[in-house]
Amino acid sequence: MDAKNTTPRHGQTAPVTKHTGIRHLFAAASYSLGGAKRLIGEAAFRHELIAFAVAMVAFAISGAGFFQYIVMAILFLLMMAFEAINTAIEEIVDRVSPEISEMGKHAKDLGSFACLCLILANATYAFYVVFLARYLG
């Protein structure tokens, strides 16, 4: 912007206006919806959605209880959150460091490992509910 802070220079944008009250709620919801739209573009996330649907069908067939559905839903929401954070990390690394770097690789690998941990937690719990819960508890 110029000295009087009135005209944006080339490539700069005007300051962002922060919303308050109900407008903030709607703005935050639109940002979240934008994130969900971005996340659905990730193949890994689509695979996780399919796995969740399969788990829900398996829960229904095995006669899972209400509490077991709730726990699975919470685990799945956590997995979605971790997948979103992992995607954000990948986007930032690609923007800041488009060349291959060891630090960028480590950041992406750590985000991927966090997702793997939640995938394993989801799979372990689903396996327990569908195959072991009747026999162990």
Protein backbone atom coordinates (compact mmCIF):
# COMPACT_ATOMS: atom_id res chain seq x y z
CA MET A 1 0.00 0.00 0.00
CA ASP A 2 1.11 3.58 -0.41
CA ALA A 3 2.17 5.86 2.44
CA LYS A 4 -1.43 6.71 3.32
CA ASN A 5 -2.32 3.02 3.33
CA THR A 6 -5.14 3.53 0.86
CA THR A 7 -4.07 1.94 -2.43
CA PRO A 8 -2.90 -1.67 -2.65
CA ARG A 9 0.39 -2.24 -4.46
CA HIS A 10 0.61 -4.86 -7.18
CA GLY A 11 0.12 -8.34 -5.71
CA GLN A 12 -1.16 -7.12 -2.35
CA THR A 13 -4.70 -7.34 -1.12
CA ALA A 14 -6.71 -5.17 1.19
CA PRO A 15 -6.75 -6.01 4.89
CA VAL A 16 -9.12 -8.79 5.90
CA THR A 17 -12.19 -7.63 7.77
CA LYS A 18 -12.86 -9.74 10.86
CA HIS A 19 -16.48 -10.64 11.48
CA THR A 20 -18.06 -10.80 14.92
CA GLY A 21 -21.20 -12.33 16.35
CA ILE A 22 -23.41 -14.40 14.09
CA ARG A 23 -21.48 -13.27 11.00
CA HIS A 24 -18.35 -14.86 12.50
CA LEU A 25 -20.24 -18.12 13.00
CA PHE A 26 -21.31 -18.21 9.35
CA ALA A 27 -17.83 -17.22 8.15
CA ALA A 28 -16.23 -19.97 10.25
CA ALA A 29 -18.73 -22.50 8.91
CA SER A 30 -17.91 -21.50 5.33
CA TYR A 31 -14.17 -21.90 6.03
CA SER A 32 -14.82 -25.37 7.46
CA LEU A 33 -16.92 -26.29 4.44
CA GLY A 34 -14.09 -25.13 2.18
CA GLY A 35 -11.69 -27.35 4.12
CA ALA A 36 -14.03 -30.31 3.77
CA LYS A 37 -14.28 -29.70 0.02
CA ARG A 38 -10.49 -29.60 -0.20
CA LEU A 39 -10.14 -32.75 1.88
CA ILE A 40 -12.57 -34.74 -0.26
CA GLY A 41 -10.11 -34.17 -3.10
CA GLU A 42 -7.56 -36.35 -1.28
CA ALA A 43 -7.59 -40.00 -2.35
CA ALA A 44 -6.51 -41.13 1.13
CA PHE A 45 -9.50 -39.38 2.68
CA ARG A 46 -11.90 -40.94 0.21
CA HIS A 47 -10.46 -44.36 1.07
CA GLU A 48 -10.98 -43.62 4.76
CA LEU A 49 -14.61 -42.67 4.08
CA ILE A 50 -15.15 -45.98 2.30
CA ALA A 51 -13.50 -47.86 5.18
CA PHE A 52 -15.78 -46.07 7.66
CA ALA A 53 -18.86 -47.04 5.63
CA VAL A 54 -17.68 -50.66 5.53
CA ALA A 55 -17.09 -50.58 9.30
CA MET A 56 -20.61 -49.23 9.90
CA VAL A 57 -22.12 -52.04 7.80
CA ALA A 58 -19.99 -54.59 9.68
CA PHE A 59 -21.11 -53.05 12.99
CA ALA A 60 -24.76 -53.43 11.93
CA ILE A 61 -24.25 -57.05 10.88
CA SER A 62 -22.41 -57.93 14.10
CA GLY A 63 -25.04 -56.30 16.32
CA ALA A 64 -22.81 -53.60 17.77
CA GLY A 65 -24.22 -51.52 20.59
CA PHE A 66 -24.97 -47.80 20.57
CA PHE A 67 -21.85 -46.97 22.62
CA GLN A 68 -19.67 -48.87 20.14
CA TYR A 69 -21.07 -46.78 17.28
CA ILE A 70 -20.34 -43.61 19.24
CA VAL A 71 -16.74 -44.63 19.92
CA MET A 72 -16.22 -45.51 16.24
CA ALA A 73 -17.71 -42.17 15.16
CA ILE A 74 -15.38 -40.29 17.53
CA LEU A 75 -12.36 -42.23 16.30
CA PHE A 76 -13.38 -41.49 12.71
CA LEU A 77 -13.79 -37.76 13.45
CA LEU A 78 -10.29 -37.77 14.94
CA MET A 79 -8.97 -39.48 11.83
CA MET A 80 -10.65 -36.84 9.64
CA ALA A 81 -9.08 -34.09 11.74
CA PHE A 82 -5.63 -35.66 11.49
CA GLU A 83 -6.03 -36.13 7.74
CA ALA A 84 -6.99 -32.45 7.42
CA ILE A 85 -3.94 -31.37 9.45
CA ASN A 86 -1.71 -33.67 7.40
CA THR A 87 -3.06 -32.18 4.17
CA ALA A 88 -2.49 -28.67 5.55
CA ILE A 89 1.11 -29.56 6.42
CA GLU A 90 1.65 -30.91 2.90
CA GLU A 91 0.15 -27.76 1.35
CA ILE A 92 2.33 -25.47 3.46
CA VAL A 93 5.51 -27.46 2.80
CA ASP A 94 4.82 -27.47 -0.94
CA ARG A 95 4.22 -23.70 -0.88
CA VAL A 96 7.21 -22.76 1.29
CA SER A 97 9.66 -25.29 -0.10
CA PRO A 98 8.69 -26.42 -3.62
CA GLU A 99 12.07 -28.09 -4.04
CA ILE A 100 12.71 -31.45 -2.38
CA SER A 101 14.20 -30.87 1.06
CA GLU A 102 14.98 -33.17 3.94
CA MET A 103 13.07 -30.96 6.39
CA GLY A 104 10.01 -30.86 4.14
CA LYS A 105 10.17 -34.64 3.75
CA HIS A 106 10.34 -35.06 7.53
CA ALA A 107 7.33 -32.78 8.06
CA LYS A 108 5.27 -34.70 5.50
CA ASP A 109 6.40 -38.08 6.87
CA LEU A 110 5.46 -37.10 10.43
CA GLY A 111 2.01 -35.96 9.33
CA SER A 112 1.56 -39.22 7.45
CA PHE A 113 2.65 -41.21 10.50
CA ALA A 114 0.07 -39.41 12.66
CA CYS A 115 -2.61 -40.41 10.15
CA LEU A 116 -1.37 -44.00 10.13
CA CYS A 117 -1.63 -44.16 13.92
CA LEU A 118 -5.30 -43.10 13.78
CA ILE A 119 -6.03 -45.48 10.91
CA LEU A 120 -4.59 -48.32 13.01
CA ALA A 121 -6.63 -47.22 16.04
CA ASN A 122 -9.82 -47.20 13.91
CA ALA A 123 -9.04 -50.58 12.35
CA THR A 124 -8.14 -52.16 15.69
CA TYR A 125 -11.34 -50.94 17.32
CA ALA A 126 -13.49 -52.03 14.36
CA PHE A 127 -11.84 -55.47 14.41
CA TYR A 128 -12.48 -55.76 18.14
CA VAL A 129 -16.16 -54.82 17.84
CA VAL A 130 -16.89 -56.98 14.81
CA PHE A 131 -14.86 -60.08 15.66
CA LEU A 132 -13.81 -60.13 19.32
CA ALA A 133 -16.33 -58.27 21.48
CA ARG A 134 -18.80 -61.18 21.62
CA TYR A 135 -16.11 -63.59 22.81
CA LEU A 136 -14.14 -61.32 25.14
CA GLY A 137 -16.71 -59.28 26.76
